[in-house]
Protein backbone atom coordinates (compact mmCIF):
# COMPACT_ATOMS: atom_id res chain seq x y z
CA MET A 1 0.00 0.00 0.00
CA ARG A 2 1.09 3.54 -0.65
CA GLN A 3 2.18 5.77 2.20
CA ILE A 4 -0.44 7.92 3.97
CA SER A 5 -0.04 11.59 3.07
CA ASP A 6 -0.29 14.53 5.47
CA ALA A 7 -3.29 15.88 3.52
CA GLN A 8 -5.31 12.73 4.23
CA VAL A 9 -5.20 13.39 7.99
CA ALA A 10 -4.57 17.15 8.05
CA VAL A 11 -7.74 18.08 9.95
CA PRO A 12 -9.09 16.65 13.23
CA GLY A 13 -11.86 14.21 12.40
CA LEU A 14 -10.27 12.82 9.24
CA ALA A 15 -8.76 9.33 9.38
CA VAL A 16 -7.27 6.65 7.20
CA VAL A 17 -8.36 3.14 8.16
CA GLU A 18 -6.56 0.03 6.98
CA VAL A 19 -8.43 -3.23 7.40
CA ALA A 20 -6.59 -6.55 7.43
CA ALA A 21 -8.91 -9.51 6.92
CA ALA A 22 -8.87 -13.14 5.87
CA ASP A 23 -10.89 -12.46 2.70
CA ASP A 24 -12.55 -9.80 0.56
CA GLU A 25 -16.01 -10.42 2.00
CA THR A 26 -14.85 -9.74 5.56
CA ALA A 27 -12.91 -6.60 4.58
CA PHE A 28 -15.91 -5.16 2.71
CA ALA A 29 -18.24 -6.05 5.61
CA VAL A 30 -16.06 -3.94 7.94
CA GLN A 31 -16.15 -1.11 5.41
CA GLU A 32 -19.95 -1.33 5.28
CA LEU A 33 -20.20 -1.17 9.08
CA LEU A 34 -18.01 1.94 9.19
CA GLY A 35 -20.00 3.52 6.36
CA ALA A 36 -23.19 3.14 8.37
CA ARG A 37 -21.70 5.20 11.23
CA CYS A 38 -19.71 7.94 9.49
CA VAL A 39 -18.93 9.40 6.09
CA ILE A 40 -16.38 7.31 4.19
CA ALA A 41 -14.62 7.30 0.86
CA PRO A 42 -14.99 3.58 0.21
CA ALA A 43 -12.44 1.35 -1.43
CA ASP A 44 -13.51 -0.66 -4.46
CA ARG A 45 -10.89 -3.40 -4.16
CA THR A 46 -8.60 -5.09 -1.69
CA THR A 47 -4.87 -5.68 -2.06
CA ARG A 48 -2.75 -8.73 -1.35
CA GLU A 49 0.84 -8.55 -0.21
CA PRO A 50 2.99 -11.39 -1.59
CA GLY A 51 3.90 -13.79 1.20
CA GLU A 52 1.40 -12.22 3.64
CA PRO A 53 -1.87 -13.92 4.62
CA GLY A 54 -5.26 -12.38 3.84
CA VAL A 55 -6.15 -9.08 2.20
CA ARG A 56 -5.91 -5.39 3.06
CA LEU A 57 -8.35 -2.60 2.36
CA ARG A 58 -7.76 1.13 2.91
CA LEU A 59 -10.59 3.62 3.26
CA PHE A 60 -10.86 7.22 4.34
CA LEU A 61 -13.38 8.45 6.87
CA ASP A 62 -14.67 11.78 8.09
CA LEU A 63 -15.97 11.85 11.66
CA ARG A 64 -16.97 15.51 11.32
CA GLU A 65 -20.17 14.60 9.43
CA ASP A 66 -22.97 12.17 10.17
CA ALA A 67 -23.41 9.32 7.68
CA ASP A 68 -27.13 10.16 7.38
CA THR A 69 -26.50 13.66 5.98
């Protein structure tokens, strides 16, 4: 995965979340749970690191806004 930039977390309430899971379905289920609670910029695919188990998914969330707005 690429490095997290300062701009992605420059303001209080912004966060980068990396999910490590056994499979795509689990990683996307976690993303869905987070999306129900706060505003997210969802990922559309997972990544696999050679020699590492499972998958990784990175998404960006904004705690400053409610997911229902």
